[in-house]
Amino acid sequence: MAPFLVLIPVFTAMIFVVVERRTRTLWQRWEVATVGPRSPYRSMALARPAAGRAPASVRASALTSILLGSAVVPGAAYAIVHMRYDGIALSLLPEIASTCVAWCAGWLLLARARVALDLWRLSVIASRTNAVMLVVVAVLHTVAAAIGWSDRVAPGYACLAAGLAVVALTRSVVQSRMVVPSAFDAPNHRSGDADAAHA
């Protein structure tokens, strides 16, 4: 099962490359070109499509969210099912949910969907909250075991929770600075550009 968990992000990265290429038309921009002689009375300005793709910040944000989702969600789910945490591992579920939201937002970023920004902000806020919550729960779990309020401490859970907390906090801080909302402005329309060119 462990090798399969490693292969999931690899296959996801390959799919990302294909999808990114297919969604470049959604980021197509229009440029004004002068057609005909250089004479001001015979030349004509026309708007024509130019090759475009998502900005580097958008592509980086989408890729990191998708890869983290492909790695964190299966890994955390595998840990919950196969490791004995006496039920405390259920505290990982909120982070799994927010990572799933970020994973969906990553694909929607490539599709230039406006709802992607809302999901993106939601996942960032949720990840920050979950990071703090995971650390607090891990500390309380360790303290409770030390003073005898629980049967035993689960070092595996404490390490996993701390690792997820670091990943969640780092992702939320870094990615909150990546996506530029202005990149999701409606693409230029040919008619509008043509009117501006003739004006």
N, C-alpha and C. Protein backbone atom coordinates (compact mmCIF):
# COMPACT_ATOMS: atom_id res chain seq x y z
N MET A 1 0.82 -1.21 0.00
CA MET A 1 0.00 0.00 0.00
C MET A 1 0.86 1.27 0.00
N ALA A 2 1.98 1.22 0.75
CA ALA A 2 2.85 2.41 0.84
C ALA A 2 3.38 2.83 -0.54
N PRO A 3 3.89 1.91 -1.37
CA PRO A 3 4.33 2.34 -2.72
C PRO A 3 3.21 2.98 -3.53
N PHE A 4 2.00 2.47 -3.35
CA PHE A 4 0.86 3.03 -4.08
C PHE A 4 0.61 4.48 -3.65
N LEU A 5 0.79 4.76 -2.37
CA LEU A 5 0.62 6.13 -1.88
C LEU A 5 1.65 7.07 -2.50
N VAL A 6 2.82 6.55 -2.79
CA VAL A 6 3.86 7.37 -3.40
C VAL A 6 3.55 7.62 -4.88
N LEU A 7 2.95 6.63 -5.52
CA LEU A 7 2.66 6.76 -6.95
C LEU A 7 1.50 7.71 -7.24
N ILE A 8 0.61 7.87 -6.29
CA ILE A 8 -0.56 8.73 -6.52
C ILE A 8 -0.14 10.15 -6.91
N PRO A 9 0.75 10.83 -6.16
CA PRO A 9 1.16 12.18 -6.58
C PRO A 9 1.85 12.19 -7.94
N VAL A 10 2.58 11.12 -8.27
CA VAL A 10 3.28 11.06 -9.56
C VAL A 10 2.27 11.05 -10.70
N PHE A 11 1.27 10.18 -10.60
CA PHE A 11 0.24 10.12 -11.63
C PHE A 11 -0.56 11.44 -11.67
N THR A 12 -0.78 12.01 -10.50
CA THR A 12 -1.51 13.28 -10.45
C THR A 12 -0.75 14.39 -11.16
N ALA A 13 0.57 14.41 -10.99
CA ALA A 13 1.38 15.42 -11.68
C ALA A 13 1.30 15.25 -13.19
N MET A 14 1.28 14.02 -13.65
CA MET A 14 1.15 13.77 -15.09
C MET A 14 -0.20 14.26 -15.61
N ILE A 15 -1.25 13.99 -14.84
CA ILE A 15 -2.59 14.46 -15.23
C ILE A 15 -2.63 15.99 -15.22
N PHE A 16 -1.95 16.59 -14.26
CA PHE A 16 -1.92 18.05 -14.18
C PHE A 16 -1.32 18.66 -15.44
N VAL A 17 -0.25 18.08 -15.95
CA VAL A 17 0.39 18.59 -17.16
C VAL A 17 -0.59 18.56 -18.33
N VAL A 18 -1.34 17.46 -18.46
CA VAL A 18 -2.29 17.34 -19.56
C VAL A 18 -3.42 18.36 -19.42
N VAL A 19 -3.97 18.46 -18.22
CA VAL A 19 -5.09 19.40 -18.00
C VAL A 19 -4.63 20.83 -18.19
N GLU A 20 -3.43 21.15 -17.73
CA GLU A 20 -2.94 22.52 -17.88
C GLU A 20 -2.83 22.91 -19.34
N ARG A 21 -2.39 21.96 -20.17
CA ARG A 21 -2.29 22.25 -21.60
C ARG A 21 -3.67 22.44 -22.23
N ARG A 22 -4.64 21.65 -21.79
CA ARG A 22 -5.97 21.72 -22.38
C ARG A 22 -6.76 22.95 -21.93
N THR A 23 -6.37 23.53 -20.82
CA THR A 23 -7.10 24.69 -20.31
C THR A 23 -6.44 26.01 -20.68
N ARG A 24 -5.41 25.97 -21.50
CA ARG A 24 -4.74 27.21 -21.87
C ARG A 24 -5.64 28.13 -22.68
N THR A 25 -6.58 27.55 -23.43
CA THR A 25 -7.49 28.40 -24.21
C THR A 25 -8.38 29.25 -23.30
N LEU A 26 -8.60 28.80 -22.07
CA LEU A 26 -9.40 29.58 -21.14
C LEU A 26 -8.67 30.84 -20.69
N TRP A 27 -7.36 30.84 -20.84
CA TRP A 27 -6.55 32.00 -20.45
C TRP A 27 -6.09 32.79 -21.68
N GLN A 28 -6.74 32.53 -22.80
CA GLN A 28 -6.36 33.21 -24.04
C GLN A 28 -6.60 34.71 -23.92
N ARG A 29 -5.69 35.47 -24.41
CA ARG A 29 -5.82 36.93 -24.39
C ARG A 29 -5.90 37.46 -25.82
N TRP A 30 -6.35 38.69 -25.92
CA TRP A 30 -6.49 39.32 -27.24
C TRP A 30 -5.50 40.46 -27.36
N GLU A 31 -4.87 40.55 -28.51
CA GLU A 31 -3.94 41.64 -28.76
C GLU A 31 -4.36 42.37 -30.03
N VAL A 32 -4.05 43.65 -30.07
CA VAL A 32 -4.40 44.49 -31.20
C VAL A 32 -3.23 44.52 -32.17
N ALA A 33 -3.50 44.18 -33.42
CA ALA A 33 -2.47 44.17 -34.45
C ALA A 33 -2.90 45.07 -35.60
N THR A 34 -1.93 45.69 -36.24
CA THR A 34 -2.19 46.55 -37.39
C THR A 34 -2.05 45.75 -38.67
N VAL A 35 -3.09 45.75 -39.48
CA VAL A 35 -3.11 44.98 -40.72
C VAL A 35 -3.09 45.95 -41.90
N GLY A 36 -2.30 45.64 -42.91
CA GLY A 36 -2.24 46.45 -44.12
C GLY A 36 -1.05 47.37 -44.12
N PRO A 37 -1.00 48.29 -45.08
CA PRO A 37 0.12 49.22 -45.19
C PRO A 37 0.24 50.08 -43.94
N ARG A 38 1.42 50.64 -43.77
CA ARG A 38 1.68 51.47 -42.60
C ARG A 38 1.00 52.83 -42.68
N SER A 39 0.45 53.14 -43.82
CA SER A 39 -0.21 54.43 -43.98
C SER A 39 -1.39 54.53 -43.02
N PRO A 40 -1.56 55.64 -42.34
CA PRO A 40 -2.67 55.77 -41.39
C PRO A 40 -4.04 55.70 -42.05
N TYR A 41 -4.10 55.91 -43.39
CA TYR A 41 -5.38 55.90 -44.07
C TYR A 41 -5.72 54.53 -44.65
N ARG A 42 -4.75 53.62 -44.74
CA ARG A 42 -4.99 52.31 -45.33
C ARG A 42 -4.85 51.17 -44.34
N SER A 43 -4.16 51.41 -43.26
CA SER A 43 -3.99 50.34 -42.26
C SER A 43 -5.25 50.18 -41.42
N MET A 44 -5.39 49.04 -40.82
CA MET A 44 -6.58 48.74 -40.02
C MET A 44 -6.15 47.97 -38.78
N ALA A 45 -6.66 48.34 -37.64
CA ALA A 45 -6.33 47.67 -36.38
C ALA A 45 -7.37 46.60 -36.11
N LEU A 46 -6.91 45.40 -35.88
CA LEU A 46 -7.79 44.27 -35.58
C LEU A 46 -7.34 43.59 -34.30
N ALA A 47 -8.30 43.04 -33.61
CA ALA A 47 -8.00 42.27 -32.41
C ALA A 47 -7.94 40.79 -32.79
N ARG A 48 -6.87 40.14 -32.41
CA ARG A 48 -6.71 38.72 -32.73
C ARG A 48 -6.25 37.96 -31.49
N PRO A 49 -6.62 36.71 -31.41
CA PRO A 49 -6.25 35.93 -30.22
C PRO A 49 -4.75 35.65 -30.19
N ALA A 50 -4.19 35.67 -28.99
CA ALA A 50 -2.78 35.34 -28.79
C ALA A 50 -2.69 34.18 -27.81
N ALA A 51 -1.63 33.41 -27.96
CA ALA A 51 -1.45 32.26 -27.08
C ALA A 51 -1.37 32.72 -25.63
N GLY A 52 -2.04 32.00 -24.77
CA GLY A 52 -2.03 32.36 -23.35
C GLY A 52 -2.05 31.14 -22.47
N ARG A 53 -1.72 31.33 -21.22
CA ARG A 53 -1.77 30.27 -20.23
C ARG A 53 -1.92 30.91 -18.87
N ALA A 54 -2.25 30.13 -17.89
CA ALA A 54 -2.43 30.66 -16.54
C ALA A 54 -1.14 31.28 -16.05
N PRO A 55 -1.22 32.37 -15.27
CA PRO A 55 0.00 32.96 -14.71
C PRO A 55 0.77 31.95 -13.88
N ALA A 56 2.07 32.18 -13.76
CA ALA A 56 2.93 31.24 -13.03
C ALA A 56 2.46 31.06 -11.59
N SER A 57 1.98 32.13 -10.96
CA SER A 57 1.53 32.02 -9.57
C SER A 57 0.31 31.12 -9.46
N VAL A 58 -0.59 31.22 -10.44
CA VAL A 58 -1.79 30.38 -10.43
C VAL A 58 -1.42 28.92 -10.67
N ARG A 59 -0.52 28.68 -11.63
CA ARG A 59 -0.10 27.31 -11.90
C ARG A 59 0.61 26.70 -10.70
N ALA A 60 1.46 27.48 -10.04
CA ALA A 60 2.17 26.97 -8.87
C ALA A 60 1.21 26.66 -7.73
N SER A 61 0.25 27.55 -7.52
CA SER A 61 -0.73 27.33 -6.45
C SER A 61 -1.58 26.09 -6.73
N ALA A 62 -2.03 25.97 -7.97
CA ALA A 62 -2.85 24.81 -8.33
C ALA A 62 -2.06 23.51 -8.18
N LEU A 63 -0.81 23.52 -8.65
CA LEU A 63 -0.01 22.29 -8.59
C LEU A 63 0.27 21.88 -7.16
N THR A 64 0.64 22.82 -6.31
CA THR A 64 0.94 22.46 -4.93
C THR A 64 -0.30 21.95 -4.20
N SER A 65 -1.43 22.59 -4.44
CA SER A 65 -2.66 22.13 -3.78
C SER A 65 -3.05 20.74 -4.25
N ILE A 66 -2.93 20.50 -5.55
CA ILE A 66 -3.33 19.20 -6.09
C ILE A 66 -2.38 18.10 -5.61
N LEU A 67 -1.08 18.38 -5.62
CA LEU A 67 -0.12 17.36 -5.18
C LEU A 67 -0.24 17.09 -3.68
N LEU A 68 -0.42 18.14 -2.89
CA LEU A 68 -0.59 17.93 -1.45
C LEU A 68 -1.87 17.15 -1.16
N GLY A 69 -2.93 17.48 -1.89
CA GLY A 69 -4.17 16.74 -1.70
C GLY A 69 -4.02 15.28 -2.08
N SER A 70 -3.27 15.02 -3.15
CA SER A 70 -3.08 13.64 -3.59
C SER A 70 -2.17 12.85 -2.65
N ALA A 71 -1.36 13.55 -1.86
CA ALA A 71 -0.46 12.86 -0.94
C ALA A 71 -1.02 12.81 0.48
N VAL A 72 -1.57 13.93 0.94
CA VAL A 72 -2.02 14.01 2.34
C VAL A 72 -3.28 13.21 2.58
N VAL A 73 -4.26 13.36 1.70
CA VAL A 73 -5.56 12.71 1.93
C VAL A 73 -5.43 11.18 1.95
N PRO A 74 -4.84 10.54 0.94
CA PRO A 74 -4.70 9.08 1.01
C PRO A 74 -3.82 8.64 2.18
N GLY A 75 -2.74 9.38 2.45
CA GLY A 75 -1.85 9.01 3.55
C GLY A 75 -2.52 9.10 4.90
N ALA A 76 -3.24 10.20 5.16
CA ALA A 76 -3.92 10.36 6.44
C ALA A 76 -5.05 9.34 6.58
N ALA A 77 -5.78 9.09 5.49
CA ALA A 77 -6.85 8.09 5.54
C ALA A 77 -6.29 6.69 5.83
N TYR A 78 -5.17 6.39 5.21
CA TYR A 78 -4.53 5.09 5.46
C TYR A 78 -4.10 4.97 6.92
N ALA A 79 -3.56 6.07 7.47
CA ALA A 79 -3.13 6.04 8.87
C ALA A 79 -4.31 5.86 9.82
N ILE A 80 -5.42 6.53 9.52
CA ILE A 80 -6.60 6.41 10.39
C ILE A 80 -7.12 4.98 10.41
N VAL A 81 -7.12 4.34 9.24
CA VAL A 81 -7.69 2.99 9.13
C VAL A 81 -6.77 1.92 9.70
N HIS A 82 -5.47 2.03 9.48
CA HIS A 82 -4.56 0.94 9.78
C HIS A 82 -3.76 1.12 11.07
N MET A 83 -3.74 2.29 11.65
CA MET A 83 -3.00 2.50 12.88
C MET A 83 -3.95 2.65 14.05
N ARG A 84 -3.52 2.15 15.19
CA ARG A 84 -4.37 2.15 16.38
C ARG A 84 -4.17 3.44 17.16
N TYR A 85 -5.16 4.31 17.07
CA TYR A 85 -5.08 5.59 17.75
C TYR A 85 -6.21 5.76 18.77
N ASP A 86 -6.96 4.71 19.02
CA ASP A 86 -8.05 4.76 20.01
C ASP A 86 -9.04 5.89 19.74
N GLY A 87 -9.29 6.14 18.48
CA GLY A 87 -10.30 7.11 18.12
C GLY A 87 -9.84 8.55 18.05
N ILE A 88 -8.67 8.86 18.60
CA ILE A 88 -8.23 10.25 18.60
C ILE A 88 -7.84 10.71 17.20
N ALA A 89 -7.56 9.76 16.32
CA ALA A 89 -7.19 10.13 14.95
C ALA A 89 -8.33 10.80 14.20
N LEU A 90 -9.54 10.72 14.74
CA LEU A 90 -10.66 11.41 14.09
C LEU A 90 -10.44 12.91 14.02
N SER A 91 -9.54 13.43 14.85
CA SER A 91 -9.23 14.86 14.81
C SER A 91 -8.52 15.24 13.52
N LEU A 92 -8.06 14.24 12.77
CA LEU A 92 -7.43 14.51 11.48
C LEU A 92 -8.44 14.79 10.37
N LEU A 93 -9.69 14.44 10.61
CA LEU A 93 -10.70 14.57 9.56
C LEU A 93 -10.89 16.01 9.07
N PRO A 94 -10.91 17.02 9.96
CA PRO A 94 -11.07 18.39 9.44
C PRO A 94 -9.95 18.80 8.48
N GLU A 95 -8.71 18.40 8.79
CA GLU A 95 -7.61 18.74 7.89
C GLU A 95 -7.73 17.98 6.57
N ILE A 96 -8.19 16.75 6.63
CA ILE A 96 -8.42 16.00 5.39
C ILE A 96 -9.48 16.70 4.55
N ALA A 97 -10.54 17.17 5.20
CA ALA A 97 -11.61 17.86 4.48
C ALA A 97 -11.11 19.16 3.83
N SER A 98 -10.34 19.95 4.58
CA SER A 98 -9.83 21.21 4.01
C SER A 98 -8.83 20.96 2.90
N THR A 99 -8.07 19.87 3.01
CA THR A 99 -7.14 19.53 1.93
C THR A 99 -7.90 19.11 0.68
N CYS A 100 -9.02 18.42 0.85
CA CYS A 100 -9.87 18.06 -0.29
C CYS A 100 -10.43 19.31 -0.97
N VAL A 101 -10.81 20.29 -0.15
CA VAL A 101 -11.31 21.55 -0.72
C VAL A 101 -10.21 22.24 -1.52
N ALA A 102 -8.99 22.26 -0.96
CA ALA A 102 -7.86 22.87 -1.68
C ALA A 102 -7.55 22.10 -2.96
N TRP A 103 -7.70 20.78 -2.92
CA TRP A 103 -7.47 19.95 -4.12
C TRP A 103 -8.46 20.32 -5.23
N CYS A 104 -9.72 20.45 -4.84
CA CYS A 104 -10.75 20.85 -5.83
C CYS A 104 -10.47 22.27 -6.34
N ALA A 105 -10.07 23.16 -5.43
CA ALA A 105 -9.79 24.54 -5.84
C ALA A 105 -8.62 24.60 -6.82
N GLY A 106 -7.66 23.69 -6.65
CA GLY A 106 -6.53 23.66 -7.57
C GLY A 106 -6.95 23.39 -9.00
N TRP A 107 -7.83 22.42 -9.19
CA TRP A 107 -8.32 22.13 -10.54
C TRP A 107 -9.17 23.28 -11.07
N LEU A 108 -9.96 23.88 -10.20
CA LEU A 108 -10.80 25.00 -10.64
C LEU A 108 -9.97 26.23 -10.97
N LEU A 109 -8.81 26.37 -10.34
CA LEU A 109 -7.92 27.49 -10.68
C LEU A 109 -7.48 27.38 -12.14
N LEU A 110 -7.14 26.17 -12.55
CA LEU A 110 -6.73 25.98 -13.94
C LEU A 110 -7.87 26.28 -14.90
N ALA A 111 -9.10 25.97 -14.46
CA ALA A 111 -10.28 26.22 -15.30
C ALA A 111 -10.74 27.67 -15.26
N ARG A 112 -10.06 28.50 -14.51
CA ARG A 112 -10.37 29.93 -14.39
C ARG A 112 -11.79 30.17 -13.91
N ALA A 113 -12.23 29.32 -12.99
CA ALA A 113 -13.56 29.46 -12.43
C ALA A 113 -13.54 30.44 -11.26
N ARG A 114 -14.48 31.36 -11.23
CA ARG A 114 -14.51 32.36 -10.17
C ARG A 114 -14.71 31.71 -8.80
N VAL A 115 -15.45 30.61 -8.75
CA VAL A 115 -15.68 29.95 -7.47
C VAL A 115 -14.38 29.42 -6.88
N ALA A 116 -13.35 29.27 -7.70
CA ALA A 116 -12.06 28.76 -7.21
C ALA A 116 -11.47 29.69 -6.16
N LEU A 117 -11.64 30.99 -6.33
CA LEU A 117 -11.10 31.94 -5.36
C LEU A 117 -11.77 31.79 -4.00
N ASP A 118 -13.10 31.58 -4.00
CA ASP A 118 -13.81 31.39 -2.74
C ASP A 118 -13.36 30.10 -2.05
N LEU A 119 -13.27 29.02 -2.82
CA LEU A 119 -12.78 27.77 -2.24
C LEU A 119 -11.35 27.91 -1.76
N TRP A 120 -10.56 28.66 -2.50
CA TRP A 120 -9.16 28.85 -2.13
C TRP A 120 -9.05 29.56 -0.78
N ARG A 121 -9.77 30.65 -0.63
CA ARG A 121 -9.72 31.39 0.64
C ARG A 121 -10.25 30.53 1.78
N LEU A 122 -11.30 29.76 1.52
CA LEU A 122 -11.86 28.88 2.55
C LEU A 122 -10.85 27.84 2.99
N SER A 123 -10.15 27.24 2.04
CA SER A 123 -9.18 26.20 2.38
C SER A 123 -8.00 26.78 3.15
N VAL A 124 -7.59 27.99 2.80
CA VAL A 124 -6.47 28.62 3.50
C VAL A 124 -6.83 28.89 4.96
N ILE A 125 -8.01 29.47 5.17
CA ILE A 125 -8.45 29.77 6.54
C ILE A 125 -8.63 28.47 7.33
N ALA A 126 -9.24 27.45 6.70
CA ALA A 126 -9.45 26.18 7.39
C ALA A 126 -8.13 25.50 7.72
N SER A 127 -7.15 25.59 6.84
CA SER A 127 -5.86 24.96 7.10
C SER A 127 -5.15 25.62 8.27
N ARG A 128 -5.23 26.92 8.35
CA ARG A 128 -4.62 27.62 9.50
C ARG A 128 -5.28 27.20 10.80
N THR A 129 -6.59 27.15 10.79
CA THR A 129 -7.31 26.74 11.99
C THR A 129 -6.99 25.30 12.36
N ASN A 130 -6.97 24.41 11.37
CA ASN A 130 -6.69 23.00 11.64
C ASN A 130 -5.27 22.79 12.14
N ALA A 131 -4.32 23.59 11.65
CA ALA A 131 -2.94 23.46 12.10
C ALA A 131 -2.83 23.72 13.60
N VAL A 132 -3.49 24.78 14.04
CA VAL A 132 -3.48 25.08 15.48
C VAL A 132 -4.20 24.00 16.27
N MET A 133 -5.34 23.56 15.75
CA MET A 133 -6.12 22.54 16.44
C MET A 133 -5.36 21.23 16.57
N LEU A 134 -4.66 20.83 15.52
CA LEU A 134 -3.91 19.57 15.56
C LEU A 134 -2.80 19.61 16.59
N VAL A 135 -2.11 20.73 16.68
CA VAL A 135 -1.04 20.86 17.67
C VAL A 135 -1.61 20.81 19.08
N VAL A 136 -2.72 21.53 19.31
CA VAL A 136 -3.33 21.55 20.64
C VAL A 136 -3.80 20.16 21.04
N VAL A 137 -4.47 19.46 20.12
CA VAL A 137 -4.96 18.11 20.44
C VAL A 137 -3.81 17.15 20.71
N ALA A 138 -2.74 17.24 19.92
CA ALA A 138 -1.59 16.36 20.14
C ALA A 138 -0.94 16.62 21.49
N VAL A 139 -0.83 17.89 21.87
CA VAL A 139 -0.25 18.23 23.18
C VAL A 139 -1.14 17.74 24.31
N LEU A 140 -2.44 17.98 24.19
CA LEU A 140 -3.37 17.52 25.22
C LEU A 140 -3.37 16.00 25.34
N HIS A 141 -3.27 15.33 24.21
CA HIS A 141 -3.23 13.87 24.23
C HIS A 141 -1.99 13.37 24.97
N THR A 142 -0.85 13.99 24.72
CA THR A 142 0.39 13.59 25.38
C THR A 142 0.33 13.89 26.87
N VAL A 143 -0.19 15.07 27.22
CA VAL A 143 -0.29 15.44 28.64
C VAL A 143 -1.26 14.52 29.37
N ALA A 144 -2.39 14.20 28.73
CA ALA A 144 -3.37 13.32 29.37
C ALA A 144 -2.79 11.94 29.63
N ALA A 145 -1.99 11.44 28.70
CA ALA A 145 -1.36 10.14 28.92
C ALA A 145 -0.31 10.21 30.01
N ALA A 146 0.38 11.34 30.11
CA ALA A 146 1.44 11.47 31.11
C ALA A 146 0.89 11.54 32.52
N ILE A 147 -0.27 12.15 32.70
CA ILE A 147 -0.82 12.28 34.06
C ILE A 147 -1.82 11.18 34.39
N GLY A 148 -1.98 10.25 33.45
CA GLY A 148 -2.81 9.10 33.73
C GLY A 148 -4.27 9.22 33.38
N TRP A 149 -4.65 10.24 32.62
CA TRP A 149 -6.05 10.39 32.23
C TRP A 149 -6.43 9.48 31.07
N SER A 150 -5.44 8.97 30.36
CA SER A 150 -5.70 8.01 29.29
C SER A 150 -4.76 6.83 29.47
N ASP A 151 -5.07 5.73 28.79
CA ASP A 151 -4.31 4.50 28.99
C ASP A 151 -2.87 4.62 28.52
N ARG A 152 -2.68 5.16 27.34
CA ARG A 152 -1.33 5.24 26.79
C ARG A 152 -1.25 6.36 25.77
N VAL A 153 -0.03 6.81 25.52
CA VAL A 153 0.19 7.83 24.52
C VAL A 153 0.43 7.16 23.17
N ALA A 154 0.02 7.83 22.14
CA ALA A 154 0.21 7.31 20.78
C ALA A 154 1.24 8.20 20.08
N PRO A 155 2.52 7.83 20.13
CA PRO A 155 3.54 8.67 19.50
C PRO A 155 3.31 8.84 18.00
N GLY A 156 2.79 7.78 17.37
CA GLY A 156 2.54 7.88 15.93
C GLY A 156 1.54 8.97 15.61
N TYR A 157 0.50 9.05 16.43
CA TYR A 157 -0.50 10.10 16.19
C TYR A 157 0.10 11.47 16.42
N ALA A 158 0.88 11.62 17.49
CA ALA A 158 1.47 12.93 17.78
C ALA A 158 2.38 13.38 16.64
N CYS A 159 3.17 12.45 16.10
CA CYS A 159 4.06 12.80 14.98
C CYS A 159 3.27 13.14 13.73
N LEU A 160 2.24 12.33 13.45
CA LEU A 160 1.43 12.57 12.27
C LEU A 160 0.68 13.90 12.38
N ALA A 161 0.12 14.18 13.55
CA ALA A 161 -0.60 15.44 13.74
C ALA A 161 0.34 16.63 13.62
N ALA A 162 1.53 16.51 14.19
CA ALA A 162 2.49 17.61 14.09
C ALA A 162 2.94 17.81 12.64
N GLY A 163 3.16 16.72 11.92
CA GLY A 163 3.55 16.84 10.51
C GLY A 163 2.47 17.49 9.67
N LEU A 164 1.23 17.06 9.86
CA LEU A 164 0.13 17.67 9.12
C LEU A 164 -0.06 19.13 9.48
N ALA A 165 0.17 19.46 10.75
CA ALA A 165 0.04 20.85 11.17
C ALA A 165 1.08 21.73 10.49
N VAL A 166 2.31 21.24 10.40
CA VAL A 166 3.36 22.00 9.73
C VAL A 166 3.04 22.18 8.25
N VAL A 167 2.60 21.09 7.61
CA VAL A 167 2.25 21.17 6.19
C VAL A 167 1.09 22.13 5.96
N ALA A 168 0.06 22.02 6.81
CA ALA A 168 -1.12 22.87 6.64
C ALA A 168 -0.79 24.34 6.84
N LEU A 169 0.00 24.63 7.88
CA LEU A 169 0.33 26.03 8.16
C LEU A 169 1.22 26.60 7.07
N THR A 170 2.20 25.83 6.63
CA THR A 170 3.10 26.31 5.57
C THR A 170 2.33 26.55 4.28
N ARG A 171 1.46 25.60 3.93
CA ARG A 171 0.67 25.75 2.70
C ARG A 171 -0.22 26.98 2.76
N SER A 172 -0.87 27.18 3.89
CA SER A 172 -1.79 28.31 3.99
C SER A 172 -1.07 29.65 3.92
N VAL A 173 0.11 29.72 4.53
CA VAL A 173 0.86 30.99 4.53
C VAL A 173 1.43 31.27 3.14
N VAL A 174 2.03 30.26 2.52
CA VAL A 174 2.67 30.47 1.22
C VAL A 174 1.63 30.70 0.13
N GLN A 175 0.61 29.86 0.09
CA GLN A 175 -0.35 29.93 -1.01
C GLN A 175 -1.29 31.11 -0.90
N SER A 176 -1.45 31.65 0.30
CA SER A 176 -2.29 32.85 0.41
C SER A 176 -1.66 34.04 -0.29
N ARG A 177 -0.35 33.95 -0.59
CA ARG A 177 0.34 35.04 -1.27
C ARG A 177 0.56 34.76 -2.76
N MET A 178 0.13 33.60 -3.23
CA MET A 178 0.40 33.22 -4.61
C MET A 178 -0.65 33.71 -5.58
N VAL A 179 -1.90 33.38 -5.32
CA VAL A 179 -2.95 33.65 -6.30
C VAL A 179 -3.30 35.13 -6.29
N VAL A 180 -3.33 35.71 -7.46
CA VAL A 180 -3.71 37.12 -7.63
C VAL A 180 -5.14 37.16 -8.16
N PRO A 181 -6.09 37.74 -7.40
CA PRO A 181 -7.49 37.75 -7.87
C PRO A 181 -7.68 38.41 -9.22
N SER A 182 -6.86 39.41 -9.55
CA SER A 182 -7.02 40.09 -10.83
C SER A 182 -6.78 39.16 -12.01
N ALA A 183 -6.07 38.06 -11.76
CA ALA A 183 -5.82 37.11 -12.85
C ALA A 183 -7.11 36.42 -13.30
N PHE A 184 -8.14 36.51 -12.47
CA PHE A 184 -9.40 35.86 -12.80
C PHE A 184 -10.42 36.83 -13.36
N ASP A 185 -9.99 38.01 -13.74
CA ASP A 185 -10.89 38.92 -14.42
C ASP A 185 -11.35 38.29 -15.72
N ALA A 186 -12.54 38.66 -16.14
CA ALA A 186 -13.09 38.08 -17.36
C ALA A 186 -12.15 38.34 -18.53
N PRO A 187 -11.93 37.33 -19.38
CA PRO A 187 -11.04 37.53 -20.52
C PRO A 187 -11.58 38.59 -21.47
N ASN A 188 -10.65 39.24 -22.17
CA ASN A 188 -11.06 40.29 -23.10
C ASN A 188 -11.90 39.73 -24.23
N HIS A 189 -12.89 40.46 -24.61
CA HIS A 189 -13.74 40.05 -25.71
C HIS A 189 -13.28 40.74 -26.99
N ARG A 190 -13.46 40.05 -28.07
CA ARG A 190 -12.96 40.58 -29.33
C ARG A 190 -13.65 41.88 -29.70
N SER A 191 -14.95 41.93 -29.47
CA SER A 191 -15.67 43.13 -29.87
C SER A 191 -15.18 44.34 -29.09
N GLY A 192 -14.95 44.15 -27.78
CA GLY A 192 -14.49 45.27 -26.97
C GLY A 192 -13.13 45.74 -27.39
N ASP A 193 -12.22 44.78 -27.69
CA ASP A 193 -10.89 45.16 -28.12
C ASP A 193 -10.92 45.84 -29.48
N ALA A 194 -11.77 45.35 -30.37
CA ALA A 194 -11.86 45.95 -31.69
C ALA A 194 -12.37 47.38 -31.60
N ASP A 195 -13.37 47.59 -30.73
CA ASP A 195 -13.88 48.95 -30.57
C ASP A 195 -12.80 49.88 -30.03
N ALA A 196 -12.03 49.36 -29.08
CA ALA A 196 -10.96 50.19 -28.51
C ALA A 196 -9.90 50.48 -29.55
N ALA A 197 -9.64 49.47 -30.39
CA ALA A 197 -8.61 49.67 -31.42
C ALA A 197 -9.05 50.73 -32.42
N HIS A 198 -10.33 50.67 -32.85
CA HIS A 198 -10.81 51.65 -33.82
C HIS A 198 -10.91 53.04 -33.21
N ALA A 199 -11.16 53.08 -31.89
CA ALA A 199 -11.25 54.37 -31.24
C ALA A 199 -9.88 55.04 -31.22
